[in-house]
Amino acid sequence: MALVNPYLAFDGNCEEAFNFYKSVFGGEFLGGISRFSDMPAEHYSPGQENQVMHVMLPLGNGTSLMGSDTPGPEAAGKDHNVSIAVSPDSEENARHIFNGLLAGGTVIIPMDFAPWGALFGMLIDKYGFKWMVNYDTSKK
């Protein structure tokens, strides 16, 4: 089975967002933060030098959250047609992740026990990304 790793596009605030995600999930960026200035100048536009070309935050179990600055209509928060689903390993971790991601964001579905036997909540973070946090309570 292949792993699926979300790759998020930002309009100039990727580093800020990933430092926020790092504060929620913990860990360190794999390989640091690559900037457009690490590439030959013909591969980026003037003004992009210090923007993030690539960043990767391992989340555990072989999955990672990745991102870059992608100015224009492809950038973050333009459409909310994708959600990032997180399956924490404990109720405490689920609440920590949900509340951490909620800082400056908006609740779509409050964190509560769901009919399918999970602690579930859904939110839009302050960067415009939709998150679903689902802890399977049968794992207690």
C-alpha atoms as a PDB file:
ATOM      1  CA  MET A   1       0.000   0.000   0.000  1.00  0.00           C
ATOM      2  CA  ALA A   2       1.314   3.437  -0.890  1.00  0.00           C
ATOM      3  CA  LEU A   3       1.535   6.222   1.685  1.00  0.00           C
ATOM      4  CA  VAL A   4      -0.297   9.464   0.985  1.00  0.00           C
ATOM      5  CA  ASN A   5       1.483  12.637   2.077  1.00  0.00           C
ATOM      6  CA  PRO A   6      -0.381  15.957   1.725  1.00  0.00           C
ATOM      7  CA  TYR A   7       1.517  18.683  -0.123  1.00  0.00           C
ATOM      8  CA  LEU A   8       0.213  22.142   0.745  1.00  0.00           C
ATOM      9  CA  ALA A   9       0.626  25.237  -1.435  1.00  0.00           C
ATOM     10  CA  PHE A  10       0.964  28.675   0.176  1.00  0.00           C
ATOM     11  CA  ASP A  11       0.987  32.217  -1.114  1.00  0.00           C
ATOM     12  CA  GLY A  12       4.179  33.387   0.626  1.00  0.00           C
ATOM     13  CA  ASN A  13       3.534  32.235   4.216  1.00  0.00           C
ATOM     14  CA  CYS A  14       4.632  28.589   4.041  1.00  0.00           C
ATOM     15  CA  GLU A  15       7.407  28.974   6.611  1.00  0.00           C
ATOM     16  CA  GLU A  16       5.049  30.625   9.103  1.00  0.00           C
ATOM     17  CA  ALA A  17       2.441  27.914   8.577  1.00  0.00           C
ATOM     18  CA  PHE A  18       4.915  25.050   8.916  1.00  0.00           C
ATOM     19  CA  ASN A  19       6.352  26.504  12.116  1.00  0.00           C
ATOM     20  CA  PHE A  20       2.760  26.564  13.376  1.00  0.00           C
ATOM     21  CA  TYR A  21       2.183  22.919  12.318  1.00  0.00           C
ATOM     22  CA  LYS A  22       5.494  21.985  13.946  1.00  0.00           C
ATOM     23  CA  SER A  23       4.264  23.551  17.215  1.00  0.00           C
ATOM     24  CA  VAL A  24       1.144  21.364  17.028  1.00  0.00           C
ATOM     25  CA  PHE A  25       2.641  18.041  15.884  1.00  0.00           C
ATOM     26  CA  GLY A  26       6.206  18.347  17.196  1.00  0.00           C
ATOM     27  CA  GLY A  27       9.235  16.976  15.389  1.00  0.00           C
ATOM     28  CA  GLU A  28      11.750  18.627  13.106  1.00  0.00           C
ATOM     29  CA  PHE A  29      11.744  19.480   9.409  1.00  0.00           C
ATOM     30  CA  LEU A  30      13.364  16.720   7.387  1.00  0.00           C
ATOM     31  CA  GLY A  31      16.305  18.299   5.562  1.00  0.00           C
ATOM     32  CA  GLY A  32      15.500  21.775   6.861  1.00  0.00           C
ATOM     33  CA  ILE A  33      13.737  24.378   4.742  1.00  0.00           C
ATOM     34  CA  SER A  34      14.765  24.660   1.081  1.00  0.00           C
ATOM     35  CA  ARG A  35      14.363  28.100  -0.435  1.00  0.00           C
ATOM     36  CA  PHE A  36      14.026  29.177  -4.039  1.00  0.00           C
ATOM     37  CA  SER A  37      17.430  30.873  -3.708  1.00  0.00           C
ATOM     38  CA  ASP A  38      18.898  27.346  -3.417  1.00  0.00           C
ATOM     39  CA  MET A  39      18.020  26.898  -7.116  1.00  0.00           C
ATOM     40  CA  PRO A  40      19.488  28.641 -10.182  1.00  0.00           C
ATOM     41  CA  ALA A  41      17.845  32.062 -10.657  1.00  0.00           C
ATOM     42  CA  GLU A  42      16.112  31.033 -13.889  1.00  0.00           C
ATOM     43  CA  HIS A  43      13.884  28.639 -11.869  1.00  0.00           C
ATOM     44  CA  TYR A  44      12.107  31.305  -9.811  1.00  0.00           C
ATOM     45  CA  SER A  45      10.722  34.819 -10.128  1.00  0.00           C
ATOM     46  CA  PRO A  46      12.344  37.907  -8.625  1.00  0.00           C
ATOM     47  CA  GLY A  47      11.084  38.329  -5.055  1.00  0.00           C
ATOM     48  CA  GLN A  48      10.792  34.584  -4.422  1.00  0.00           C
ATOM     49  CA  GLU A  49      14.392  34.146  -3.255  1.00  0.00           C
ATOM     50  CA  ASN A  50      13.551  33.690   0.440  1.00  0.00           C
ATOM     51  CA  GLN A  51      10.259  31.885  -0.061  1.00  0.00           C
ATOM     52  CA  VAL A  52       9.990  28.176   0.672  1.00  0.00           C
ATOM     53  CA  MET A  53      10.682  25.885  -2.257  1.00  0.00           C
ATOM     54  CA  HIS A  54      10.112  22.744  -0.135  1.00  0.00           C
ATOM     55  CA  VAL A  55       9.579  21.765   3.497  1.00  0.00           C
ATOM     56  CA  MET A  56       8.692  18.387   4.998  1.00  0.00           C
ATOM     57  CA  LEU A  57       7.429  17.681   8.529  1.00  0.00           C
ATOM     58  CA  PRO A  58       7.334  13.970   9.435  1.00  0.00           C
ATOM     59  CA  LEU A  59       4.151  13.115  11.354  1.00  0.00           C
ATOM     60  CA  GLY A  60       4.954   9.492  12.207  1.00  0.00           C
ATOM     61  CA  ASN A  61       4.053   6.102  10.746  1.00  0.00           C
ATOM     62  CA  GLY A  62       5.816   7.020   7.514  1.00  0.00           C
ATOM     63  CA  THR A  63       3.587  10.008   6.750  1.00  0.00           C
ATOM     64  CA  SER A  64       4.687  13.603   6.306  1.00  0.00           C
ATOM     65  CA  LEU A  65       3.160  16.987   5.709  1.00  0.00           C
ATOM     66  CA  MET A  66       4.920  18.837   2.894  1.00  0.00           C
ATOM     67  CA  GLY A  67       4.577  22.296   1.428  1.00  0.00           C
ATOM     68  CA  SER A  68       5.952  25.207  -0.572  1.00  0.00           C
ATOM     69  CA  ASP A  69       5.162  28.780  -1.519  1.00  0.00           C
ATOM     70  CA  THR A  70       3.172  28.766  -4.756  1.00  0.00           C
ATOM     71  CA  PRO A  71       1.961  32.276  -5.550  1.00  0.00           C
ATOM     72  CA  GLY A  72      -1.136  32.707  -7.652  1.00  0.00           C
ATOM     73  CA  PRO A  73      -4.456  30.920  -7.923  1.00  0.00           C
ATOM     74  CA  GLU A  74      -2.901  27.547  -7.002  1.00  0.00           C
ATOM     75  CA  ALA A  75      -2.048  28.835  -3.504  1.00  0.00           C
ATOM     76  CA  ALA A  76      -3.653  27.787  -0.258  1.00  0.00           C
ATOM     77  CA  GLY A  77      -7.072  28.650   0.961  1.00  0.00           C
ATOM     78  CA  LYS A  78      -8.465  29.322  -2.510  1.00  0.00           C
ATOM     79  CA  ASP A  79     -10.680  26.215  -2.509  1.00  0.00           C
ATOM     80  CA  HIS A  80     -11.767  24.057   0.380  1.00  0.00           C
ATOM     81  CA  ASN A  81     -12.318  20.881  -1.637  1.00  0.00           C
ATOM     82  CA  VAL A  82      -9.694  18.799   0.200  1.00  0.00           C
ATOM     83  CA  SER A  83      -9.405  17.892   3.878  1.00  0.00           C
ATOM     84  CA  ILE A  84      -6.371  16.581   5.713  1.00  0.00           C
ATOM     85  CA  ALA A  85      -7.422  13.636   7.886  1.00  0.00           C
ATOM     86  CA  VAL A  86      -5.378  12.908  11.002  1.00  0.00           C
ATOM     87  CA  SER A  87      -5.809   9.715  13.057  1.00  0.00           C
ATOM     88  CA  PRO A  88      -4.131  10.265  16.443  1.00  0.00           C
ATOM     89  CA  ASP A  89      -3.150   7.398  18.733  1.00  0.00           C
ATOM     90  CA  SER A  90      -4.981   8.638  21.853  1.00  0.00           C
ATOM     91  CA  GLU A  91      -7.887  10.812  22.949  1.00  0.00           C
ATOM     92  CA  GLU A  92      -5.453  13.205  24.619  1.00  0.00           C
ATOM     93  CA  ASN A  93      -3.403  13.526  21.410  1.00  0.00           C
ATOM     94  CA  ALA A  94      -6.587  14.024  19.339  1.00  0.00           C
ATOM     95  CA  ARG A  95      -7.694  16.909  21.556  1.00  0.00           C
ATOM     96  CA  HIS A  96      -4.178  18.391  21.542  1.00  0.00           C
ATOM     97  CA  ILE A  97      -3.984  18.312  17.729  1.00  0.00           C
ATOM     98  CA  PHE A  98      -7.526  19.646  17.250  1.00  0.00           C
ATOM     99  CA  ASN A  99      -7.064  22.513  19.717  1.00  0.00           C
ATOM    100  CA  GLY A 100      -3.591  23.298  18.383  1.00  0.00           C
ATOM    101  CA  LEU A 101      -4.755  23.518  14.775  1.00  0.00           C
ATOM    102  CA  LEU A 102      -7.786  25.548  15.828  1.00  0.00           C
ATOM    103  CA  ALA A 103      -5.651  28.509  17.032  1.00  0.00           C
ATOM    104  CA  GLY A 104      -6.807  31.369  14.830  1.00  0.00           C
ATOM    105  CA  GLY A 105      -9.043  29.015  12.836  1.00  0.00           C
ATOM    106  CA  THR A 106     -12.731  28.114  12.651  1.00  0.00           C
ATOM    107  CA  VAL A 107     -14.595  25.073  13.943  1.00  0.00           C
ATOM    108  CA  ILE A 108     -16.687  23.250  11.338  1.00  0.00           C
ATOM    109  CA  ILE A 109     -17.677  20.329  13.603  1.00  0.00           C
ATOM    110  CA  PRO A 110     -16.778  20.559  17.298  1.00  0.00           C
ATOM    111  CA  MET A 111     -14.635  17.766  18.737  1.00  0.00           C
ATOM    112  CA  ASP A 112     -17.084  15.230  20.178  1.00  0.00           C
ATOM    113  CA  PHE A 113     -17.904  11.546  20.216  1.00  0.00           C
ATOM    114  CA  ALA A 114     -19.367  10.489  16.857  1.00  0.00           C
ATOM    115  CA  PRO A 115     -21.879   7.727  16.059  1.00  0.00           C
ATOM    116  CA  TRP A 116     -19.206   5.672  14.262  1.00  0.00           C
ATOM    117  CA  GLY A 117     -17.281   5.139  17.501  1.00  0.00           C
ATOM    118  CA  ALA A 118     -14.712   7.889  17.255  1.00  0.00           C
ATOM    119  CA  LEU A 119     -13.793  11.188  18.813  1.00  0.00           C
ATOM    120  CA  PHE A 120     -14.127  13.478  15.796  1.00  0.00           C
ATOM    121  CA  GLY A 121     -13.789  17.149  14.975  1.00  0.00           C
ATOM    122  CA  MET A 122     -13.347  19.220  11.860  1.00  0.00           C
ATOM    123  CA  LEU A 123     -11.891  22.696  11.434  1.00  0.00           C
ATOM    124  CA  ILE A 124     -10.370  25.176   9.022  1.00  0.00           C
ATOM    125  CA  ASP A 125      -6.977  26.385  10.236  1.00  0.00           C
ATOM    126  CA  LYS A 126      -5.825  29.989  10.048  1.00  0.00           C
ATOM    127  CA  TYR A 127      -4.157  29.238   6.690  1.00  0.00           C
ATOM    128  CA  GLY A 128      -7.406  28.081   5.061  1.00  0.00           C
ATOM    129  CA  PHE A 129      -6.823  24.303   5.203  1.00  0.00           C
ATOM    130  CA  LYS A 130      -9.535  21.903   6.307  1.00  0.00           C
ATOM    131  CA  TRP A 131      -8.539  19.287   8.915  1.00  0.00           C
ATOM    132  CA  MET A 132     -10.437  16.247  10.195  1.00  0.00           C
ATOM    133  CA  VAL A 133      -9.239  14.758  13.480  1.00  0.00           C
ATOM    134  CA  ASN A 134     -10.591  11.254  14.091  1.00  0.00           C
ATOM    135  CA  TYR A 135      -9.537   9.110  17.064  1.00  0.00           C
ATOM    136  CA  ASP A 136     -10.950   5.574  16.904  1.00  0.00           C
ATOM    137  CA  THR A 137     -12.188   5.049  20.475  1.00  0.00           C
ATOM    138  CA  SER A 138     -12.062   1.271  20.071  1.00  0.00           C
ATOM    139  CA  LYS A 139      -8.261   1.611  20.370  1.00  0.00           C
ATOM    140  CA  LYS A 140      -8.545   2.572  24.074  1.00  0.00           C
END
